[in-house]
Amino acid sequence: MVLSSRDFVSPLELIAVTTALFGGEIDLDPASSPHANSLVQSNRFFDWRDNGLVQPWRAKNVYLYPPRDILLKHEQPKNNKLFCKNLGFKKSSQRVWLELAYEKWIRKEFNEAIIFLTSTEVALLVTQKLNFDFPLCILKERPKLFEDNEELKPLKQSKVFGFVYYLPPVDNYQEKLQEFVKLYSNLGRVYAQ
């Protein structure tokens, strides 16, 4: 998997709210690093060497902040049939991870997930094309990201917007949806059905 020379780590307030939504612990972060996990503190994580795109995600819950790269055809997961008309073109990494998370949720590899996106195109345009109609929180402030390295320096000025999608559990959908709305309303505007 090709990685950008610089990637970022999630905002602390988003990690805290997600941990609360998940009952006190994040079970799996499939697109992480040892530095990022020192903040996220998930029970398990995959880094670039593990390549979470090809791993099973069996977990109670998943927190996903996909990398910002572009993935070539050979870097994309095989047999991804849900949204892809043609695997022959380059795609935003955030789109590929979003598609894969949805596919794995449908296959019940995990119960619920939070997906944090910083690509406005993927979060607002691609999701419409894909009919990806899930609860969404648009952060009211630009996310306070950290550099993904040993120092975990806060970025002085983030130029991205933050979008949080929720793939809710099927068994107690209404209760968890209400909890999502309540918790994430503190971070931004929530859209839920």
C-alpha atoms as a PDB file:
ATOM      1  CA  MET A   1       0.000   0.000   0.000  1.00  0.00           C
ATOM      2  CA  VAL A   2       1.386   3.392  -0.967  1.00  0.00           C
ATOM      3  CA  LEU A   3       1.430   5.813   1.920  1.00  0.00           C
ATOM      4  CA  SER A   4       1.636   9.566   1.897  1.00  0.00           C
ATOM      5  CA  SER A   5       4.778  11.026   3.384  1.00  0.00           C
ATOM      6  CA  ARG A   6       2.630  12.687   6.064  1.00  0.00           C
ATOM      7  CA  ASP A   7      -0.475  11.327   7.643  1.00  0.00           C
ATOM      8  CA  PHE A   8      -2.501  12.475  10.589  1.00  0.00           C
ATOM      9  CA  VAL A   9      -4.035  11.211  13.820  1.00  0.00           C
ATOM     10  CA  SER A  10      -7.615  11.817  14.943  1.00  0.00           C
ATOM     11  CA  PRO A  11      -8.690  14.691  17.198  1.00  0.00           C
ATOM     12  CA  LEU A  12      -8.777  13.828  20.903  1.00  0.00           C
ATOM     13  CA  GLU A  13     -12.368  14.982  21.409  1.00  0.00           C
ATOM     14  CA  LEU A  14     -13.549  12.672  18.602  1.00  0.00           C
ATOM     15  CA  ILE A  15     -11.682   9.734  20.141  1.00  0.00           C
ATOM     16  CA  ALA A  16     -13.226  10.479  23.549  1.00  0.00           C
ATOM     17  CA  VAL A  17     -16.782  10.692  22.202  1.00  0.00           C
ATOM     18  CA  THR A  18     -16.320   7.530  20.142  1.00  0.00           C
ATOM     19  CA  THR A  19     -14.958   5.667  23.164  1.00  0.00           C
ATOM     20  CA  ALA A  20     -18.043   6.769  25.138  1.00  0.00           C
ATOM     21  CA  LEU A  21     -20.394   5.650  22.336  1.00  0.00           C
ATOM     22  CA  PHE A  22     -18.691   2.248  22.303  1.00  0.00           C
ATOM     23  CA  GLY A  23     -19.176   1.733  26.043  1.00  0.00           C
ATOM     24  CA  GLY A  24     -15.650   2.634  27.132  1.00  0.00           C
ATOM     25  CA  GLU A  25     -13.407   0.916  24.591  1.00  0.00           C
ATOM     26  CA  ILE A  26     -12.583   0.918  20.912  1.00  0.00           C
ATOM     27  CA  ASP A  27     -12.110  -2.686  19.842  1.00  0.00           C
ATOM     28  CA  LEU A  28     -10.418  -2.286  16.422  1.00  0.00           C
ATOM     29  CA  ASP A  29      -8.735   0.510  14.472  1.00  0.00           C
ATOM     30  CA  PRO A  30      -7.966  -1.050  11.063  1.00  0.00           C
ATOM     31  CA  ALA A  31      -6.012   1.893   9.574  1.00  0.00           C
ATOM     32  CA  SER A  32      -3.673   3.011  12.320  1.00  0.00           C
ATOM     33  CA  SER A  33      -0.093   3.136  13.516  1.00  0.00           C
ATOM     34  CA  PRO A  34       1.657   2.609  16.855  1.00  0.00           C
ATOM     35  CA  HIS A  35       1.819   6.407  17.306  1.00  0.00           C
ATOM     36  CA  ALA A  36      -1.855   6.890  16.475  1.00  0.00           C
ATOM     37  CA  ASN A  37      -2.888   4.043  18.750  1.00  0.00           C
ATOM     38  CA  SER A  38      -1.125   5.688  21.671  1.00  0.00           C
ATOM     39  CA  LEU A  39      -3.969   8.246  21.452  1.00  0.00           C
ATOM     40  CA  VAL A  40      -6.827   6.059  20.136  1.00  0.00           C
ATOM     41  CA  GLN A  41      -5.990   3.193  22.540  1.00  0.00           C
ATOM     42  CA  SER A  42      -7.919   0.554  20.623  1.00  0.00           C
ATOM     43  CA  ASN A  43      -7.644  -3.053  21.785  1.00  0.00           C
ATOM     44  CA  ARG A  44      -6.275  -4.027  18.350  1.00  0.00           C
ATOM     45  CA  PHE A  45      -5.046  -2.084  15.339  1.00  0.00           C
ATOM     46  CA  PHE A  46      -3.556  -2.683  11.924  1.00  0.00           C
ATOM     47  CA  ASP A  47      -0.732  -0.499  10.657  1.00  0.00           C
ATOM     48  CA  TRP A  48       0.518  -0.124   7.075  1.00  0.00           C
ATOM     49  CA  ARG A  49       2.539  -3.346   7.352  1.00  0.00           C
ATOM     50  CA  ASP A  50      -0.582  -5.332   8.332  1.00  0.00           C
ATOM     51  CA  ASN A  51      -2.646  -3.626   5.587  1.00  0.00           C
ATOM     52  CA  GLY A  52      -6.114  -3.530   7.119  1.00  0.00           C
ATOM     53  CA  LEU A  53      -7.601  -3.590   3.616  1.00  0.00           C
ATOM     54  CA  VAL A  54      -6.847  -7.325   3.394  1.00  0.00           C
ATOM     55  CA  GLN A  55      -7.440  -8.315   7.038  1.00  0.00           C
ATOM     56  CA  PRO A  56     -10.665  -9.608   8.619  1.00  0.00           C
ATOM     57  CA  TRP A  57     -12.158  -7.010  10.944  1.00  0.00           C
ATOM     58  CA  ARG A  58     -13.850  -9.313  13.447  1.00  0.00           C
ATOM     59  CA  ALA A  59     -14.582  -7.003  16.369  1.00  0.00           C
ATOM     60  CA  LYS A  60     -17.320  -5.603  18.588  1.00  0.00           C
ATOM     61  CA  ASN A  61     -16.787  -2.127  17.184  1.00  0.00           C
ATOM     62  CA  VAL A  62     -14.512  -0.326  14.735  1.00  0.00           C
ATOM     63  CA  TYR A  63     -13.073   3.177  14.676  1.00  0.00           C
ATOM     64  CA  LEU A  64     -11.739   4.105  11.235  1.00  0.00           C
ATOM     65  CA  TYR A  65      -9.831   7.185  10.120  1.00  0.00           C
ATOM     66  CA  PRO A  66      -8.626   6.190   6.637  1.00  0.00           C
ATOM     67  CA  PRO A  67      -5.384   7.472   5.137  1.00  0.00           C
ATOM     68  CA  ARG A  68      -5.558  10.350   2.676  1.00  0.00           C
ATOM     69  CA  ASP A  69      -3.786   8.702  -0.267  1.00  0.00           C
ATOM     70  CA  ILE A  70      -4.844   7.646  -3.733  1.00  0.00           C
ATOM     71  CA  LEU A  71      -4.931   3.890  -4.282  1.00  0.00           C
ATOM     72  CA  LEU A  72      -4.050   2.337  -7.619  1.00  0.00           C
ATOM     73  CA  LYS A  73      -5.933  -0.680  -8.974  1.00  0.00           C
ATOM     74  CA  HIS A  74      -3.482  -3.224  -7.570  1.00  0.00           C
ATOM     75  CA  GLU A  75      -3.676  -1.626  -4.093  1.00  0.00           C
ATOM     76  CA  GLN A  76      -7.463  -1.908  -3.851  1.00  0.00           C
ATOM     77  CA  PRO A  77      -9.112  -4.940  -2.210  1.00  0.00           C
ATOM     78  CA  LYS A  78     -10.114  -7.789  -4.497  1.00  0.00           C
ATOM     79  CA  ASN A  79     -13.773  -8.713  -5.028  1.00  0.00           C
ATOM     80  CA  ASN A  80     -15.127  -5.401  -3.840  1.00  0.00           C
ATOM     81  CA  LYS A  81     -18.482  -5.622  -5.642  1.00  0.00           C
ATOM     82  CA  LEU A  82     -20.810  -3.342  -3.728  1.00  0.00           C
ATOM     83  CA  PHE A  83     -20.050   0.030  -5.249  1.00  0.00           C
ATOM     84  CA  CYS A  84     -17.440  -0.596  -7.926  1.00  0.00           C
ATOM     85  CA  LYS A  85     -18.326  -0.565 -11.577  1.00  0.00           C
ATOM     86  CA  ASN A  86     -14.697  -0.778 -12.567  1.00  0.00           C
ATOM     87  CA  LEU A  87     -11.702  -1.435 -10.351  1.00  0.00           C
ATOM     88  CA  GLY A  88      -9.369  -0.178 -13.077  1.00  0.00           C
ATOM     89  CA  PHE A  89      -9.239   3.436 -11.949  1.00  0.00           C
ATOM     90  CA  LYS A  90      -7.408   5.190  -9.136  1.00  0.00           C
ATOM     91  CA  LYS A  91      -9.557   5.997  -6.127  1.00  0.00           C
ATOM     92  CA  SER A  92      -9.291   8.052  -3.007  1.00  0.00           C
ATOM     93  CA  SER A  93      -8.086   5.879  -0.160  1.00  0.00           C
ATOM     94  CA  GLN A  94     -10.861   7.274   2.013  1.00  0.00           C
ATOM     95  CA  ARG A  95     -13.430   6.075  -0.535  1.00  0.00           C
ATOM     96  CA  VAL A  96     -11.905   2.585  -0.714  1.00  0.00           C
ATOM     97  CA  TRP A  97     -11.825   2.261   3.089  1.00  0.00           C
ATOM     98  CA  LEU A  98     -15.414   3.557   3.351  1.00  0.00           C
ATOM     99  CA  GLU A  99     -16.615   1.001   0.784  1.00  0.00           C
ATOM    100  CA  LEU A 100     -14.748  -1.788   2.542  1.00  0.00           C
ATOM    101  CA  ALA A 101     -16.081  -0.806   5.979  1.00  0.00           C
ATOM    102  CA  TYR A 102     -19.631  -0.898   4.633  1.00  0.00           C
ATOM    103  CA  GLU A 103     -19.031  -4.285   3.005  1.00  0.00           C
ATOM    104  CA  LYS A 104     -17.593  -5.714   6.244  1.00  0.00           C
ATOM    105  CA  TRP A 105     -20.496  -4.262   8.270  1.00  0.00           C
ATOM    106  CA  ILE A 106     -22.981  -5.923   5.878  1.00  0.00           C
ATOM    107  CA  ARG A 107     -21.094  -9.227   6.341  1.00  0.00           C
ATOM    108  CA  LYS A 108     -21.343  -8.690  10.138  1.00  0.00           C
ATOM    109  CA  GLU A 109     -17.600  -8.723  10.769  1.00  0.00           C
ATOM    110  CA  PHE A 110     -18.303  -6.080  13.422  1.00  0.00           C
ATOM    111  CA  ASN A 111     -21.363  -4.728  15.187  1.00  0.00           C
ATOM    112  CA  GLU A 112     -20.943  -0.963  14.788  1.00  0.00           C
ATOM    113  CA  ALA A 113     -18.432   1.555  13.466  1.00  0.00           C
ATOM    114  CA  ILE A 114     -17.465   5.199  13.446  1.00  0.00           C
ATOM    115  CA  ILE A 115     -15.830   6.371  10.221  1.00  0.00           C
ATOM    116  CA  PHE A 116     -14.021   9.714  10.360  1.00  0.00           C
ATOM    117  CA  LEU A 117     -13.448  11.306   6.953  1.00  0.00           C
ATOM    118  CA  THR A 118     -11.569  14.458   6.047  1.00  0.00           C
ATOM    119  CA  SER A 119     -12.196  14.283   2.309  1.00  0.00           C
ATOM    120  CA  THR A 120     -15.142  16.557   1.549  1.00  0.00           C
ATOM    121  CA  GLU A 121     -15.548  14.928  -1.855  1.00  0.00           C
ATOM    122  CA  VAL A 122     -15.864  11.447  -0.375  1.00  0.00           C
ATOM    123  CA  ALA A 123     -17.986  12.484   2.612  1.00  0.00           C
ATOM    124  CA  LEU A 124     -20.529  14.532   0.667  1.00  0.00           C
ATOM    125  CA  LEU A 125     -20.376  13.659  -3.034  1.00  0.00           C
ATOM    126  CA  VAL A 126     -19.247  10.045  -3.253  1.00  0.00           C
ATOM    127  CA  THR A 127     -21.596   8.980  -0.459  1.00  0.00           C
ATOM    128  CA  GLN A 128     -24.527  10.433  -2.433  1.00  0.00           C
ATOM    129  CA  LYS A 129     -23.508   8.532  -5.561  1.00  0.00           C
ATOM    130  CA  LEU A 130     -23.200   5.342  -3.510  1.00  0.00           C
ATOM    131  CA  ASN A 131     -26.514   5.891  -1.668  1.00  0.00           C
ATOM    132  CA  PHE A 132     -24.521   5.657   1.556  1.00  0.00           C
ATOM    133  CA  ASP A 133     -27.302   6.919   3.799  1.00  0.00           C
ATOM    134  CA  PHE A 134     -26.115   6.607   7.392  1.00  0.00           C
ATOM    135  CA  PRO A 135     -26.150   8.934  10.402  1.00  0.00           C
ATOM    136  CA  LEU A 136     -23.649  11.754   9.900  1.00  0.00           C
ATOM    137  CA  CYS A 137     -22.052  14.410  12.085  1.00  0.00           C
ATOM    138  CA  ILE A 138     -20.415  17.351  10.349  1.00  0.00           C
ATOM    139  CA  LEU A 139     -17.919  18.769  12.810  1.00  0.00           C
ATOM    140  CA  LYS A 140     -18.549  22.423  13.672  1.00  0.00           C
ATOM    141  CA  GLU A 141     -14.828  23.220  13.783  1.00  0.00           C
ATOM    142  CA  ARG A 142     -11.936  22.066  11.666  1.00  0.00           C
ATOM    143  CA  PRO A 143     -10.565  18.948  13.340  1.00  0.00           C
ATOM    144  CA  LYS A 144      -7.519  19.349  15.571  1.00  0.00           C
ATOM    145  CA  LEU A 145      -5.306  16.686  14.015  1.00  0.00           C
ATOM    146  CA  PHE A 146      -1.890  15.433  15.076  1.00  0.00           C
ATOM    147  CA  GLU A 147       1.096  14.447  12.976  1.00  0.00           C
ATOM    148  CA  ASP A 148       1.520  10.673  12.855  1.00  0.00           C
ATOM    149  CA  ASN A 149       5.019  10.403  14.302  1.00  0.00           C
ATOM    150  CA  GLU A 150       6.703   9.958  17.695  1.00  0.00           C
ATOM    151  CA  GLU A 151       6.145  13.556  18.759  1.00  0.00           C
ATOM    152  CA  LEU A 152       2.430  13.587  17.831  1.00  0.00           C
ATOM    153  CA  LYS A 153       2.664  17.330  17.285  1.00  0.00           C
ATOM    154  CA  PRO A 154      -0.683  19.080  16.872  1.00  0.00           C
ATOM    155  CA  LEU A 155      -1.145  20.603  13.434  1.00  0.00           C
ATOM    156  CA  LYS A 156      -1.090  24.353  13.781  1.00  0.00           C
ATOM    157  CA  GLN A 157      -3.744  24.860  11.155  1.00  0.00           C
ATOM    158  CA  SER A 158      -5.906  22.133   9.681  1.00  0.00           C
ATOM    159  CA  LYS A 159      -7.274  22.869   6.231  1.00  0.00           C
ATOM    160  CA  VAL A 160      -9.743  19.983   6.182  1.00  0.00           C
ATOM    161  CA  PHE A 161     -13.284  19.577   7.423  1.00  0.00           C
ATOM    162  CA  GLY A 162     -14.427  16.632   9.532  1.00  0.00           C
ATOM    163  CA  PHE A 163     -17.246  14.205   8.788  1.00  0.00           C
ATOM    164  CA  VAL A 164     -18.242  11.349  11.081  1.00  0.00           C
ATOM    165  CA  TYR A 165     -20.405   8.508   9.765  1.00  0.00           C
ATOM    166  CA  TYR A 166     -22.002   5.920  12.023  1.00  0.00           C
ATOM    167  CA  LEU A 167     -22.690   2.335  11.002  1.00  0.00           C
ATOM    168  CA  PRO A 168     -25.062   1.375  13.842  1.00  0.00           C
ATOM    169  CA  PRO A 169     -25.746  -2.052  15.319  1.00  0.00           C
ATOM    170  CA  VAL A 170     -28.814  -3.807  13.986  1.00  0.00           C
ATOM    171  CA  ASP A 171     -30.045  -5.303  17.262  1.00  0.00           C
ATOM    172  CA  ASN A 172     -30.527  -2.065  19.274  1.00  0.00           C
ATOM    173  CA  TYR A 173     -30.561   0.438  16.425  1.00  0.00           C
ATOM    174  CA  GLN A 174     -32.905   3.095  17.890  1.00  0.00           C
ATOM    175  CA  GLU A 175     -31.184   3.221  21.267  1.00  0.00           C
ATOM    176  CA  LYS A 176     -27.687   3.508  19.731  1.00  0.00           C
ATOM    177  CA  LEU A 177     -28.869   6.067  17.165  1.00  0.00           C
ATOM    178  CA  GLN A 178     -30.226   8.272  19.959  1.00  0.00           C
ATOM    179  CA  GLU A 179     -26.924   7.911  21.818  1.00  0.00           C
ATOM    180  CA  PHE A 180     -24.996   8.865  18.655  1.00  0.00           C
ATOM    181  CA  VAL A 181     -27.155  11.974  18.188  1.00  0.00           C
ATOM    182  CA  LYS A 182     -26.762  12.981  21.844  1.00  0.00           C
ATOM    183  CA  LEU A 183     -22.986  12.483  22.027  1.00  0.00           C
ATOM    184  CA  TYR A 184     -21.956  13.816  18.615  1.00  0.00           C
ATOM    185  CA  SER A 185     -24.253  16.869  18.796  1.00  0.00           C
ATOM    186  CA  ASN A 186     -21.581  18.295  21.100  1.00  0.00           C
ATOM    187  CA  LEU A 187     -19.070  18.095  18.221  1.00  0.00           C
ATOM    188  CA  GLY A 188     -21.200  19.339  15.342  1.00  0.00           C
ATOM    189  CA  ARG A 189     -24.433  19.076  13.416  1.00  0.00           C
ATOM    190  CA  VAL A 190     -25.912  15.582  13.329  1.00  0.00           C
ATOM    191  CA  TYR A 191     -28.091  14.256  10.522  1.00  0.00           C
ATOM    192  CA  ALA A 192     -29.946  11.043  11.331  1.00  0.00           C
ATOM    193  CA  GLN A 193     -33.147   9.337  10.239  1.00  0.00           C
END
